[in-house]
Amino acid sequence: MKKAIFFILVVGLFSCTNNDESKIDEYVESNYYEVNKNETFDVPLISNATTGYSWKWVDNQTDKSVQLITNTYIPTKSGAEVIGGGGYEIWKFKAIKAGTYILKFEYCPSWDLNSSVETRNITIKIN
């Protein structure tokens, strides 16, 4: 009887996983994107807007290889239902100039944009 209850609990636990979010997590962990000139592309970064921290794009004024279109925060399905739950910042860019470039992002508190707790370097190859 105990084995049957344990089996039911294990099956129930694994049936609660969200494959869509695990696919997004794999995509979010990517540090390399290849796109064609004039195409748009997204750079998703794990974030939690409820903490007061957000990502900033460093050196965005001097970089003419890409053009920022939007920066949007999207809570995960579980994050939308949970107070303090996390989500993703989706940075949408347009590829402007062919070449290979590094986009640098820093995760900072809104009250001190000069103090980052995490840095991400994303390599973009524009054909």
N, C-alpha and C. Protein backbone atom coordinates (compact mmCIF):
# COMPACT_ATOMS: atom_id res chain seq x y z
N MET A 1 0.82 -1.19 0.00
CA MET A 1 0.00 0.00 0.00
C MET A 1 0.87 1.26 0.00
N LYS A 2 1.95 1.25 0.82
CA LYS A 2 2.83 2.41 0.88
C LYS A 2 3.50 2.64 -0.48
N LYS A 3 3.85 1.55 -1.17
CA LYS A 3 4.47 1.68 -2.49
C LYS A 3 3.50 2.30 -3.49
N ALA A 4 2.25 1.93 -3.41
CA ALA A 4 1.24 2.49 -4.32
C ALA A 4 1.06 3.98 -4.08
N ILE A 5 1.02 4.38 -2.82
CA ILE A 5 0.87 5.81 -2.50
C ILE A 5 2.10 6.58 -2.97
N PHE A 6 3.29 6.00 -2.73
CA PHE A 6 4.53 6.64 -3.17
C PHE A 6 4.53 6.80 -4.70
N PHE A 7 4.11 5.76 -5.41
CA PHE A 7 4.07 5.80 -6.88
C PHE A 7 3.12 6.90 -7.36
N ILE A 8 1.97 7.00 -6.75
CA ILE A 8 0.99 8.03 -7.13
C ILE A 8 1.55 9.42 -6.88
N LEU A 9 2.22 9.60 -5.76
CA LEU A 9 2.82 10.91 -5.45
C LEU A 9 3.91 11.27 -6.46
N VAL A 10 4.75 10.31 -6.83
CA VAL A 10 5.83 10.57 -7.79
C VAL A 10 5.25 10.91 -9.16
N VAL A 11 4.27 10.16 -9.61
CA VAL A 11 3.64 10.44 -10.91
C VAL A 11 2.98 11.81 -10.88
N GLY A 12 2.30 12.12 -9.80
CA GLY A 12 1.66 13.44 -9.68
C GLY A 12 2.67 14.57 -9.69
N LEU A 13 3.80 14.37 -9.04
CA LEU A 13 4.84 15.40 -9.00
C LEU A 13 5.38 15.68 -10.40
N PHE A 14 5.71 14.64 -11.14
CA PHE A 14 6.27 14.84 -12.47
C PHE A 14 5.25 15.32 -13.49
N SER A 15 3.98 15.05 -13.25
CA SER A 15 2.97 15.55 -14.18
C SER A 15 2.73 17.04 -14.02
N CYS A 16 3.25 17.63 -12.95
CA CYS A 16 3.08 19.07 -12.70
C CYS A 16 4.15 19.92 -13.35
N THR A 17 5.16 19.31 -13.94
CA THR A 17 6.21 20.11 -14.57
C THR A 17 5.68 20.76 -15.83
N ASN A 18 6.23 21.90 -16.16
CA ASN A 18 5.80 22.66 -17.32
C ASN A 18 6.89 22.61 -18.38
N ASN A 19 6.68 21.84 -19.43
CA ASN A 19 7.68 21.69 -20.48
C ASN A 19 7.94 22.98 -21.22
N ASP A 20 6.93 23.84 -21.37
CA ASP A 20 7.13 25.11 -22.07
C ASP A 20 8.14 25.97 -21.35
N GLU A 21 8.04 26.05 -20.02
CA GLU A 21 8.97 26.87 -19.26
C GLU A 21 10.37 26.28 -19.28
N SER A 22 10.51 24.95 -19.29
CA SER A 22 11.85 24.37 -19.35
C SER A 22 12.48 24.64 -20.70
N LYS A 23 11.68 24.68 -21.77
CA LYS A 23 12.21 25.04 -23.09
C LYS A 23 12.66 26.50 -23.09
N ILE A 24 11.90 27.36 -22.46
CA ILE A 24 12.28 28.78 -22.36
C ILE A 24 13.57 28.91 -21.58
N ASP A 25 13.71 28.15 -20.48
CA ASP A 25 14.93 28.22 -19.68
C ASP A 25 16.15 27.85 -20.50
N GLU A 26 16.04 26.82 -21.36
CA GLU A 26 17.16 26.45 -22.23
C GLU A 26 17.49 27.60 -23.17
N TYR A 27 16.48 28.23 -23.73
CA TYR A 27 16.66 29.36 -24.64
C TYR A 27 17.29 30.55 -23.91
N VAL A 28 16.84 30.78 -22.68
CA VAL A 28 17.35 31.90 -21.89
C VAL A 28 18.82 31.71 -21.57
N GLU A 29 19.26 30.49 -21.39
CA GLU A 29 20.65 30.23 -21.04
C GLU A 29 21.59 30.39 -22.23
N SER A 30 21.05 30.56 -23.43
CA SER A 30 21.89 30.72 -24.61
C SER A 30 22.62 32.06 -24.56
N ASN A 31 23.91 32.02 -24.91
CA ASN A 31 24.72 33.24 -24.96
C ASN A 31 25.14 33.56 -26.38
N TYR A 32 24.55 32.86 -27.37
CA TYR A 32 24.93 33.06 -28.77
C TYR A 32 23.68 33.01 -29.65
N TYR A 33 23.55 34.01 -30.52
CA TYR A 33 22.44 34.05 -31.47
C TYR A 33 23.00 34.40 -32.84
N GLU A 34 22.45 33.78 -33.87
CA GLU A 34 22.84 34.10 -35.24
C GLU A 34 21.59 34.53 -36.00
N VAL A 35 21.64 35.72 -36.60
CA VAL A 35 20.48 36.28 -37.30
C VAL A 35 20.94 36.93 -38.59
N ASN A 36 19.99 37.22 -39.45
CA ASN A 36 20.29 37.93 -40.69
C ASN A 36 20.05 39.42 -40.51
N LYS A 37 20.76 40.20 -41.29
CA LYS A 37 20.62 41.66 -41.26
C LYS A 37 19.16 42.03 -41.50
N ASN A 38 18.68 43.03 -40.77
CA ASN A 38 17.31 43.56 -40.83
C ASN A 38 16.26 42.66 -40.19
N GLU A 39 16.65 41.52 -39.65
CA GLU A 39 15.71 40.67 -38.91
C GLU A 39 15.65 41.12 -37.46
N THR A 40 14.54 40.77 -36.80
CA THR A 40 14.44 41.02 -35.36
C THR A 40 14.76 39.73 -34.61
N PHE A 41 15.23 39.89 -33.38
CA PHE A 41 15.52 38.74 -32.53
C PHE A 41 15.30 39.13 -31.08
N ASP A 42 15.02 38.13 -30.25
CA ASP A 42 14.76 38.35 -28.82
C ASP A 42 15.91 37.83 -27.98
N VAL A 43 16.24 38.58 -26.95
CA VAL A 43 17.20 38.13 -25.93
C VAL A 43 16.42 38.06 -24.61
N PRO A 44 16.04 36.84 -24.18
CA PRO A 44 15.31 36.71 -22.92
C PRO A 44 16.28 36.56 -21.75
N LEU A 45 16.01 37.25 -20.66
CA LEU A 45 16.85 37.19 -19.46
C LEU A 45 15.96 36.92 -18.25
N ILE A 46 16.35 35.97 -17.42
CA ILE A 46 15.58 35.66 -16.21
C ILE A 46 15.60 36.87 -15.29
N SER A 47 14.44 37.22 -14.77
CA SER A 47 14.32 38.43 -13.97
C SER A 47 13.20 38.26 -12.95
N ASN A 48 13.16 39.16 -11.98
CA ASN A 48 12.06 39.18 -11.02
C ASN A 48 11.76 40.63 -10.69
N ALA A 49 10.77 41.19 -11.33
CA ALA A 49 10.44 42.61 -11.19
C ALA A 49 10.04 42.98 -9.77
N THR A 50 9.55 42.02 -9.00
CA THR A 50 9.09 42.34 -7.65
C THR A 50 10.23 42.64 -6.69
N THR A 51 11.46 42.33 -7.06
CA THR A 51 12.61 42.58 -6.18
C THR A 51 13.17 43.98 -6.35
N GLY A 52 12.75 44.68 -7.40
CA GLY A 52 13.31 46.00 -7.68
C GLY A 52 14.53 45.93 -8.57
N TYR A 53 14.94 44.73 -8.94
CA TYR A 53 16.08 44.55 -9.84
C TYR A 53 15.59 44.39 -11.27
N SER A 54 16.39 44.87 -12.21
CA SER A 54 16.08 44.69 -13.63
C SER A 54 17.38 44.72 -14.41
N TRP A 55 17.30 44.31 -15.66
CA TRP A 55 18.46 44.29 -16.54
C TRP A 55 18.62 45.63 -17.22
N LYS A 56 19.87 46.05 -17.41
CA LYS A 56 20.15 47.23 -18.23
C LYS A 56 21.14 46.81 -19.30
N TRP A 57 20.98 47.38 -20.47
CA TRP A 57 21.87 47.11 -21.60
C TRP A 57 23.00 48.12 -21.52
N VAL A 58 24.22 47.64 -21.34
CA VAL A 58 25.40 48.49 -21.16
C VAL A 58 25.94 48.89 -22.53
N ASP A 59 26.42 50.11 -22.66
CA ASP A 59 27.00 50.64 -23.90
C ASP A 59 26.00 50.71 -25.04
N ASN A 60 24.73 50.87 -24.72
CA ASN A 60 23.70 50.89 -25.76
C ASN A 60 23.73 52.16 -26.61
N GLN A 61 24.34 53.22 -26.13
CA GLN A 61 24.37 54.47 -26.91
C GLN A 61 25.39 54.42 -28.04
N THR A 62 26.45 53.66 -27.87
CA THR A 62 27.52 53.65 -28.87
C THR A 62 27.41 52.49 -29.83
N ASP A 63 26.57 51.51 -29.54
CA ASP A 63 26.50 50.32 -30.36
C ASP A 63 25.47 50.51 -31.48
N LYS A 64 25.93 50.58 -32.72
CA LYS A 64 25.03 50.78 -33.86
C LYS A 64 24.80 49.50 -34.66
N SER A 65 25.25 48.37 -34.13
CA SER A 65 25.09 47.10 -34.81
C SER A 65 23.67 46.56 -34.68
N VAL A 66 22.99 46.93 -33.59
CA VAL A 66 21.61 46.51 -33.35
C VAL A 66 20.80 47.71 -32.88
N GLN A 67 19.50 47.61 -33.06
CA GLN A 67 18.59 48.67 -32.60
C GLN A 67 17.59 48.05 -31.64
N LEU A 68 17.48 48.62 -30.44
CA LEU A 68 16.50 48.14 -29.47
C LEU A 68 15.10 48.53 -29.92
N ILE A 69 14.21 47.54 -29.95
CA ILE A 69 12.82 47.79 -30.33
C ILE A 69 11.94 47.87 -29.08
N THR A 70 12.01 46.85 -28.23
CA THR A 70 11.24 46.86 -26.98
C THR A 70 11.98 46.10 -25.89
N ASN A 71 11.60 46.37 -24.66
CA ASN A 71 12.05 45.62 -23.50
C ASN A 71 10.80 45.38 -22.66
N THR A 72 10.39 44.12 -22.53
CA THR A 72 9.13 43.78 -21.88
C THR A 72 9.37 42.75 -20.78
N TYR A 73 8.70 42.92 -19.65
CA TYR A 73 8.75 41.92 -18.57
C TYR A 73 7.54 41.01 -18.70
N ILE A 74 7.79 39.69 -18.67
CA ILE A 74 6.71 38.70 -18.75
C ILE A 74 6.86 37.74 -17.57
N PRO A 75 5.87 37.68 -16.66
CA PRO A 75 5.96 36.72 -15.56
C PRO A 75 5.76 35.30 -16.07
N THR A 76 6.43 34.34 -15.44
CA THR A 76 6.18 32.95 -15.78
C THR A 76 4.77 32.60 -15.33
N LYS A 77 4.26 31.48 -15.82
CA LYS A 77 2.91 31.08 -15.43
C LYS A 77 2.82 30.92 -13.92
N SER A 78 3.82 30.29 -13.34
CA SER A 78 3.81 30.13 -11.88
C SER A 78 4.09 31.46 -11.19
N GLY A 79 4.92 32.31 -11.80
CA GLY A 79 5.25 33.61 -11.21
C GLY A 79 4.05 34.54 -11.15
N ALA A 80 3.17 34.44 -12.14
CA ALA A 80 1.99 35.31 -12.17
C ALA A 80 1.02 34.95 -11.05
N GLU A 81 1.08 33.69 -10.60
CA GLU A 81 0.16 33.22 -9.58
C GLU A 81 0.73 33.35 -8.17
N VAL A 82 2.02 33.64 -8.07
CA VAL A 82 2.70 33.66 -6.78
C VAL A 82 3.22 35.06 -6.49
N ILE A 83 2.93 35.58 -5.33
CA ILE A 83 3.47 36.88 -4.94
C ILE A 83 4.98 36.75 -4.87
N GLY A 84 5.68 37.63 -5.55
CA GLY A 84 7.14 37.57 -5.57
C GLY A 84 7.68 36.61 -6.61
N GLY A 85 6.80 36.04 -7.43
CA GLY A 85 7.23 35.10 -8.46
C GLY A 85 8.01 35.80 -9.56
N GLY A 86 8.86 35.05 -10.22
CA GLY A 86 9.75 35.61 -11.23
C GLY A 86 9.18 35.59 -12.63
N GLY A 87 10.04 35.92 -13.58
CA GLY A 87 9.66 35.94 -14.98
C GLY A 87 10.87 36.19 -15.86
N TYR A 88 10.63 36.84 -16.98
CA TYR A 88 11.67 37.10 -17.97
C TYR A 88 11.56 38.52 -18.48
N GLU A 89 12.70 39.13 -18.73
CA GLU A 89 12.74 40.36 -19.50
C GLU A 89 13.07 39.95 -20.92
N ILE A 90 12.23 40.33 -21.86
CA ILE A 90 12.45 40.01 -23.26
C ILE A 90 12.92 41.28 -23.96
N TRP A 91 14.17 41.28 -24.39
CA TRP A 91 14.75 42.41 -25.12
C TRP A 91 14.66 42.10 -26.60
N LYS A 92 13.88 42.87 -27.35
CA LYS A 92 13.72 42.66 -28.80
C LYS A 92 14.59 43.68 -29.53
N PHE A 93 15.44 43.17 -30.44
CA PHE A 93 16.35 43.99 -31.22
C PHE A 93 16.14 43.78 -32.71
N LYS A 94 16.62 44.74 -33.49
CA LYS A 94 16.70 44.60 -34.93
C LYS A 94 18.17 44.59 -35.30
N ALA A 95 18.57 43.60 -36.13
CA ALA A 95 19.96 43.49 -36.59
C ALA A 95 20.20 44.54 -37.67
N ILE A 96 21.18 45.42 -37.47
CA ILE A 96 21.42 46.54 -38.37
C ILE A 96 22.64 46.34 -39.26
N LYS A 97 23.74 45.90 -38.68
CA LYS A 97 25.02 45.86 -39.39
C LYS A 97 25.64 44.47 -39.27
N ALA A 98 26.06 43.89 -40.41
CA ALA A 98 26.67 42.56 -40.42
C ALA A 98 27.95 42.55 -39.60
N GLY A 99 28.18 41.44 -38.91
CA GLY A 99 29.37 41.27 -38.10
C GLY A 99 29.04 40.48 -36.84
N THR A 100 30.03 40.32 -35.98
CA THR A 100 29.84 39.63 -34.71
C THR A 100 30.04 40.63 -33.58
N TYR A 101 29.08 40.68 -32.68
CA TYR A 101 29.07 41.70 -31.63
C TYR A 101 28.74 41.06 -30.28
N ILE A 102 29.11 41.74 -29.22
CA ILE A 102 28.76 41.30 -27.87
C ILE A 102 27.85 42.34 -27.24
N LEU A 103 26.67 41.90 -26.83
CA LEU A 103 25.74 42.76 -26.09
C LEU A 103 25.92 42.45 -24.62
N LYS A 104 26.21 43.46 -23.82
CA LYS A 104 26.45 43.28 -22.39
C LYS A 104 25.25 43.79 -21.60
N PHE A 105 24.78 42.95 -20.68
CA PHE A 105 23.65 43.29 -19.81
C PHE A 105 24.08 43.16 -18.36
N GLU A 106 23.59 44.06 -17.51
CA GLU A 106 23.86 44.00 -16.08
C GLU A 106 22.53 44.00 -15.32
N TYR A 107 22.45 43.16 -14.30
CA TYR A 107 21.26 43.05 -13.45
C TYR A 107 21.48 43.92 -12.22
N CYS A 108 20.72 45.01 -12.12
CA CYS A 108 20.96 46.05 -11.11
C CYS A 108 19.69 46.38 -10.33
N PRO A 109 19.86 46.86 -9.10
CA PRO A 109 18.71 47.39 -8.38
C PRO A 109 18.32 48.75 -8.96
N SER A 110 17.04 49.05 -8.97
CA SER A 110 16.57 50.31 -9.56
C SER A 110 17.09 51.53 -8.82
N TRP A 111 17.46 51.38 -7.56
CA TRP A 111 17.94 52.51 -6.77
C TRP A 111 19.45 52.73 -6.90
N ASP A 112 20.17 51.81 -7.60
CA ASP A 112 21.61 51.97 -7.78
C ASP A 112 22.04 51.29 -9.07
N LEU A 113 21.90 51.98 -10.19
CA LEU A 113 22.21 51.39 -11.50
C LEU A 113 23.70 51.18 -11.73
N ASN A 114 24.54 51.64 -10.80
CA ASN A 114 25.98 51.42 -10.92
C ASN A 114 26.44 50.19 -10.15
N SER A 115 25.52 49.47 -9.54
CA SER A 115 25.86 48.31 -8.73
C SER A 115 25.15 47.09 -9.29
N SER A 116 25.86 46.26 -10.04
CA SER A 116 25.23 45.07 -10.64
C SER A 116 25.55 43.83 -9.82
N VAL A 117 24.60 42.90 -9.80
CA VAL A 117 24.80 41.63 -9.10
C VAL A 117 25.06 40.49 -10.08
N GLU A 118 24.81 40.74 -11.36
CA GLU A 118 25.04 39.72 -12.39
C GLU A 118 25.29 40.41 -13.71
N THR A 119 26.12 39.79 -14.54
CA THR A 119 26.42 40.31 -15.88
C THR A 119 26.22 39.19 -16.89
N ARG A 120 25.63 39.51 -18.03
CA ARG A 120 25.49 38.54 -19.13
C ARG A 120 26.06 39.16 -20.39
N ASN A 121 26.93 38.42 -21.06
CA ASN A 121 27.46 38.82 -22.36
C ASN A 121 26.85 37.92 -23.41
N ILE A 122 26.14 38.51 -24.35
CA ILE A 122 25.44 37.77 -25.40
C ILE A 122 26.13 38.06 -26.73
N THR A 123 26.61 37.02 -27.39
CA THR A 123 27.25 37.18 -28.69
C THR A 123 26.20 37.09 -29.79
N ILE A 124 26.21 38.08 -30.67
CA ILE A 124 25.28 38.14 -31.80
C ILE A 124 26.08 38.12 -33.09
N LYS A 125 25.78 37.15 -33.95
CA LYS A 125 26.40 37.13 -35.28
C LYS A 125 25.32 37.54 -36.28
N ILE A 126 25.57 38.64 -36.97
CA ILE A 126 24.61 39.16 -37.96
C ILE A 126 25.18 38.87 -39.35
N ASN A 127 24.43 38.11 -40.14
CA ASN A 127 24.86 37.76 -41.51
C ASN A 127 24.38 38.79 -42.51
